[in-house]
Amino acid sequence: SIYRGRRNLITDLPDYAAYVKKLTDLREQYHDFFYHGTFCLSNDYVLPKGCHLGEFHWCGKTLFTLWNDTGTPVSLTIANQSIDISTQDVAVLVI
């Protein structure tokens, strides 16, 4: 955490708290992929600079995690699906 060791409470940082909650909720929603699946990068997607992709396999399905670590919204096509990701945001796609 970027705030480890500081005196601020998470409640003092509402935007950061909302972002952490979103990530935690996604982890719980896709629990089986993250805890029982396999991390793999079996595709060669070309992503804009500052965008990152993770790929998890579980029970014949694939979960793509996407992170836009830039100051500009991006539109991507992953597995023939269009995905719009806001600035400094994450998205998931299950196929």
N, C-alpha and C. Protein backbone atom coordinates (compact mmCIF):
# COMPACT_ATOMS: atom_id res chain seq x y z
N SER A 1 0.84 -1.19 0.00
CA SER A 1 0.00 0.00 0.00
C SER A 1 0.87 1.24 0.00
N ILE A 2 0.48 2.21 -0.78
CA ILE A 2 1.27 3.43 -0.85
C ILE A 2 1.14 4.26 0.41
N TYR A 3 0.15 3.96 1.23
CA TYR A 3 -0.07 4.73 2.45
C TYR A 3 0.40 4.00 3.71
N ARG A 4 1.08 2.88 3.56
CA ARG A 4 1.57 2.13 4.71
C ARG A 4 2.55 3.00 5.50
N GLY A 5 2.38 3.00 6.81
CA GLY A 5 3.29 3.75 7.65
C GLY A 5 2.91 5.20 7.83
N ARG A 6 1.89 5.64 7.15
CA ARG A 6 1.45 7.02 7.32
C ARG A 6 0.34 7.06 8.35
N ARG A 7 0.06 8.23 8.85
CA ARG A 7 -0.93 8.37 9.91
C ARG A 7 -2.36 8.48 9.40
N ASN A 8 -2.54 8.59 8.10
CA ASN A 8 -3.89 8.71 7.55
C ASN A 8 -4.65 7.40 7.69
N LEU A 9 -5.95 7.53 7.90
CA LEU A 9 -6.84 6.38 7.88
C LEU A 9 -7.44 6.26 6.49
N ILE A 10 -7.84 5.06 6.11
CA ILE A 10 -8.44 4.87 4.78
C ILE A 10 -9.69 5.74 4.64
N THR A 11 -10.37 6.00 5.76
CA THR A 11 -11.57 6.85 5.71
C THR A 11 -11.23 8.30 5.39
N ASP A 12 -9.98 8.69 5.58
CA ASP A 12 -9.55 10.04 5.23
C ASP A 12 -9.26 10.17 3.74
N LEU A 13 -9.29 9.07 3.02
CA LEU A 13 -8.94 9.04 1.59
C LEU A 13 -10.07 8.36 0.83
N PRO A 14 -11.20 9.03 0.64
CA PRO A 14 -12.37 8.36 0.07
C PRO A 14 -12.17 7.82 -1.34
N ASP A 15 -11.43 8.49 -2.19
CA ASP A 15 -11.21 7.97 -3.55
C ASP A 15 -10.38 6.69 -3.51
N TYR A 16 -9.35 6.70 -2.68
CA TYR A 16 -8.51 5.52 -2.54
C TYR A 16 -9.30 4.37 -1.91
N ALA A 17 -10.12 4.68 -0.92
CA ALA A 17 -10.95 3.66 -0.27
C ALA A 17 -11.91 3.02 -1.26
N ALA A 18 -12.51 3.84 -2.13
CA ALA A 18 -13.44 3.31 -3.14
C ALA A 18 -12.72 2.41 -4.13
N TYR A 19 -11.50 2.79 -4.51
CA TYR A 19 -10.71 1.98 -5.45
C TYR A 19 -10.34 0.63 -4.83
N VAL A 20 -9.89 0.65 -3.59
CA VAL A 20 -9.53 -0.59 -2.90
C VAL A 20 -10.77 -1.47 -2.74
N LYS A 21 -11.92 -0.87 -2.43
CA LYS A 21 -13.16 -1.64 -2.31
C LYS A 21 -13.51 -2.29 -3.64
N LYS A 22 -13.36 -1.55 -4.73
CA LYS A 22 -13.66 -2.11 -6.05
C LYS A 22 -12.77 -3.32 -6.34
N LEU A 23 -11.48 -3.20 -6.05
CA LEU A 23 -10.56 -4.32 -6.29
C LEU A 23 -10.91 -5.51 -5.40
N THR A 24 -11.23 -5.25 -4.16
CA THR A 24 -11.60 -6.33 -3.24
C THR A 24 -12.88 -7.01 -3.68
N ASP A 25 -13.86 -6.23 -4.12
CA ASP A 25 -15.11 -6.80 -4.62
C ASP A 25 -14.89 -7.66 -5.86
N LEU A 26 -14.01 -7.21 -6.76
CA LEU A 26 -13.70 -8.01 -7.95
C LEU A 26 -13.01 -9.32 -7.55
N ARG A 27 -12.12 -9.23 -6.58
CA ARG A 27 -11.43 -10.45 -6.11
C ARG A 27 -12.44 -11.45 -5.57
N GLU A 28 -13.42 -10.98 -4.82
CA GLU A 28 -14.44 -11.88 -4.28
C GLU A 28 -15.38 -12.39 -5.37
N GLN A 29 -15.76 -11.51 -6.29
CA GLN A 29 -16.67 -11.92 -7.36
C GLN A 29 -16.06 -13.01 -8.23
N TYR A 30 -14.76 -12.92 -8.47
CA TYR A 30 -14.07 -13.89 -9.33
C TYR A 30 -13.12 -14.76 -8.51
N HIS A 31 -13.53 -15.07 -7.30
CA HIS A 31 -12.75 -15.84 -6.33
C HIS A 31 -12.15 -17.11 -6.93
N ASP A 32 -12.96 -17.88 -7.63
CA ASP A 32 -12.48 -19.16 -8.15
C ASP A 32 -11.32 -19.00 -9.12
N PHE A 33 -11.37 -17.99 -9.97
CA PHE A 33 -10.26 -17.75 -10.91
C PHE A 33 -8.97 -17.43 -10.16
N PHE A 34 -9.08 -16.54 -9.17
CA PHE A 34 -7.88 -16.08 -8.47
C PHE A 34 -7.31 -17.10 -7.51
N TYR A 35 -8.17 -17.90 -6.88
CA TYR A 35 -7.69 -18.82 -5.85
C TYR A 35 -7.57 -20.27 -6.32
N HIS A 36 -8.32 -20.65 -7.34
CA HIS A 36 -8.27 -22.04 -7.82
C HIS A 36 -7.78 -22.14 -9.27
N GLY A 37 -7.75 -21.01 -9.95
CA GLY A 37 -7.34 -21.01 -11.35
C GLY A 37 -5.84 -20.92 -11.52
N THR A 38 -5.44 -20.81 -12.77
CA THR A 38 -4.03 -20.73 -13.13
C THR A 38 -3.76 -19.41 -13.83
N PHE A 39 -2.72 -18.69 -13.38
CA PHE A 39 -2.30 -17.47 -14.06
C PHE A 39 -1.52 -17.88 -15.29
N CYS A 40 -1.81 -17.25 -16.39
CA CYS A 40 -1.18 -17.63 -17.66
C CYS A 40 -1.24 -16.43 -18.60
N LEU A 41 -0.30 -16.33 -19.48
CA LEU A 41 -0.36 -15.34 -20.55
C LEU A 41 -0.19 -16.09 -21.86
N SER A 42 -1.29 -16.58 -22.39
CA SER A 42 -1.22 -17.41 -23.59
C SER A 42 -1.57 -16.63 -24.85
N ASN A 43 -1.86 -15.35 -24.70
CA ASN A 43 -2.20 -14.52 -25.86
C ASN A 43 -1.20 -13.38 -26.00
N ASP A 44 -1.07 -12.90 -27.21
CA ASP A 44 -0.11 -11.84 -27.51
C ASP A 44 -0.84 -10.54 -27.85
N TYR A 45 -1.68 -10.06 -26.97
CA TYR A 45 -2.41 -8.83 -27.24
C TYR A 45 -1.48 -7.64 -27.19
N VAL A 46 -1.65 -6.74 -28.15
CA VAL A 46 -0.88 -5.50 -28.16
C VAL A 46 -1.71 -4.47 -27.41
N LEU A 47 -1.14 -3.97 -26.32
CA LEU A 47 -1.83 -3.02 -25.48
C LEU A 47 -1.17 -1.65 -25.57
N PRO A 48 -1.94 -0.61 -25.38
CA PRO A 48 -1.34 0.73 -25.33
C PRO A 48 -0.36 0.82 -24.16
N LYS A 49 0.62 1.70 -24.28
CA LYS A 49 1.58 1.90 -23.21
C LYS A 49 0.82 2.29 -21.94
N GLY A 50 1.18 1.66 -20.83
CA GLY A 50 0.53 1.96 -19.56
C GLY A 50 -0.67 1.08 -19.26
N CYS A 51 -1.03 0.19 -20.17
CA CYS A 51 -2.12 -0.75 -19.92
C CYS A 51 -1.52 -2.13 -19.66
N HIS A 52 -2.12 -2.84 -18.72
CA HIS A 52 -1.59 -4.14 -18.30
C HIS A 52 -2.69 -5.18 -18.33
N LEU A 53 -2.30 -6.42 -18.65
CA LEU A 53 -3.25 -7.51 -18.81
C LEU A 53 -2.80 -8.70 -17.97
N GLY A 54 -3.75 -9.31 -17.28
CA GLY A 54 -3.53 -10.58 -16.60
C GLY A 54 -4.53 -11.58 -17.15
N GLU A 55 -4.19 -12.84 -17.11
CA GLU A 55 -5.06 -13.87 -17.67
C GLU A 55 -5.09 -15.06 -16.71
N PHE A 56 -6.29 -15.48 -16.35
CA PHE A 56 -6.47 -16.60 -15.43
C PHE A 56 -7.39 -17.62 -16.07
N HIS A 57 -7.05 -18.91 -15.94
CA HIS A 57 -7.86 -19.99 -16.48
C HIS A 57 -8.43 -20.82 -15.33
N TRP A 58 -9.71 -21.17 -15.46
CA TRP A 58 -10.35 -22.02 -14.46
C TRP A 58 -11.58 -22.68 -15.08
N CYS A 59 -11.67 -23.98 -15.00
CA CYS A 59 -12.83 -24.77 -15.48
C CYS A 59 -13.24 -24.43 -16.91
N GLY A 60 -12.26 -24.31 -17.80
CA GLY A 60 -12.55 -24.07 -19.20
C GLY A 60 -12.90 -22.63 -19.55
N LYS A 61 -12.82 -21.72 -18.59
CA LYS A 61 -13.11 -20.31 -18.85
C LYS A 61 -11.84 -19.50 -18.64
N THR A 62 -11.82 -18.31 -19.25
CA THR A 62 -10.68 -17.41 -19.11
C THR A 62 -11.17 -16.08 -18.56
N LEU A 63 -10.46 -15.58 -17.57
CA LEU A 63 -10.71 -14.26 -17.00
C LEU A 63 -9.54 -13.37 -17.38
N PHE A 64 -9.82 -12.27 -18.04
CA PHE A 64 -8.81 -11.27 -18.35
C PHE A 64 -8.98 -10.12 -17.37
N THR A 65 -7.89 -9.71 -16.75
CA THR A 65 -7.91 -8.51 -15.92
C THR A 65 -7.13 -7.43 -16.67
N LEU A 66 -7.69 -6.25 -16.71
CA LEU A 66 -7.08 -5.16 -17.44
C LEU A 66 -6.97 -3.94 -16.53
N TRP A 67 -5.83 -3.28 -16.59
CA TRP A 67 -5.59 -2.10 -15.77
C TRP A 67 -5.09 -0.99 -16.68
N ASN A 68 -5.78 0.12 -16.66
CA ASN A 68 -5.37 1.31 -17.40
C ASN A 68 -4.63 2.22 -16.42
N ASP A 69 -3.33 2.17 -16.45
CA ASP A 69 -2.47 2.97 -15.56
C ASP A 69 -2.01 4.23 -16.28
N THR A 70 -2.94 4.90 -16.96
CA THR A 70 -2.60 6.12 -17.69
C THR A 70 -3.57 7.22 -17.30
N GLY A 71 -3.34 8.39 -17.81
CA GLY A 71 -4.21 9.53 -17.56
C GLY A 71 -5.26 9.73 -18.63
N THR A 72 -5.43 8.74 -19.51
CA THR A 72 -6.38 8.84 -20.61
C THR A 72 -7.24 7.59 -20.69
N PRO A 73 -8.55 7.72 -20.87
CA PRO A 73 -9.38 6.53 -21.09
C PRO A 73 -8.91 5.78 -22.34
N VAL A 74 -9.06 4.46 -22.32
CA VAL A 74 -8.65 3.65 -23.47
C VAL A 74 -9.78 2.72 -23.88
N SER A 75 -9.76 2.37 -25.16
CA SER A 75 -10.67 1.35 -25.71
C SER A 75 -9.80 0.23 -26.26
N LEU A 76 -10.10 -0.98 -25.85
CA LEU A 76 -9.33 -2.15 -26.25
C LEU A 76 -10.24 -3.20 -26.83
N THR A 77 -9.66 -4.10 -27.61
CA THR A 77 -10.37 -5.28 -28.06
C THR A 77 -9.60 -6.49 -27.58
N ILE A 78 -10.25 -7.28 -26.73
CA ILE A 78 -9.66 -8.50 -26.18
C ILE A 78 -10.63 -9.63 -26.48
N ALA A 79 -10.15 -10.68 -27.10
CA ALA A 79 -10.96 -11.84 -27.44
C ALA A 79 -12.23 -11.41 -28.19
N ASN A 80 -12.05 -10.53 -29.15
CA ASN A 80 -13.14 -10.00 -29.99
C ASN A 80 -14.21 -9.26 -29.20
N GLN A 81 -13.88 -8.78 -28.01
CA GLN A 81 -14.80 -8.00 -27.18
C GLN A 81 -14.22 -6.60 -27.00
N SER A 82 -15.03 -5.58 -27.21
CA SER A 82 -14.59 -4.21 -26.99
C SER A 82 -14.73 -3.86 -25.51
N ILE A 83 -13.69 -3.22 -24.98
CA ILE A 83 -13.68 -2.84 -23.57
C ILE A 83 -13.20 -1.41 -23.47
N ASP A 84 -13.96 -0.59 -22.76
CA ASP A 84 -13.56 0.79 -22.47
C ASP A 84 -13.14 0.84 -21.01
N ILE A 85 -11.97 1.41 -20.77
CA ILE A 85 -11.46 1.50 -19.40
C ILE A 85 -11.13 2.95 -19.10
N SER A 86 -11.71 3.46 -18.04
CA SER A 86 -11.47 4.84 -17.64
C SER A 86 -10.03 5.01 -17.16
N THR A 87 -9.66 6.26 -16.96
CA THR A 87 -8.36 6.61 -16.45
C THR A 87 -8.11 5.95 -15.09
N GLN A 88 -6.95 5.35 -14.91
CA GLN A 88 -6.57 4.72 -13.65
C GLN A 88 -7.65 3.77 -13.13
N ASP A 89 -8.17 2.92 -14.02
CA ASP A 89 -9.24 2.01 -13.63
C ASP A 89 -8.91 0.59 -14.07
N VAL A 90 -9.73 -0.34 -13.63
CA VAL A 90 -9.57 -1.75 -13.97
C VAL A 90 -10.85 -2.27 -14.59
N ALA A 91 -10.72 -3.33 -15.35
CA ALA A 91 -11.89 -4.00 -15.95
C ALA A 91 -11.59 -5.48 -16.01
N VAL A 92 -12.63 -6.29 -16.08
CA VAL A 92 -12.48 -7.73 -16.23
C VAL A 92 -13.36 -8.21 -17.37
N LEU A 93 -12.93 -9.29 -17.98
CA LEU A 93 -13.68 -9.92 -19.06
C LEU A 93 -13.57 -11.42 -18.86
N VAL A 94 -14.71 -12.11 -18.88
CA VAL A 94 -14.72 -13.56 -18.77
C VAL A 94 -15.25 -14.13 -20.07
N ILE A 95 -14.51 -15.06 -20.65
CA ILE A 95 -14.98 -15.75 -21.86
C ILE A 95 -14.89 -17.25 -21.65
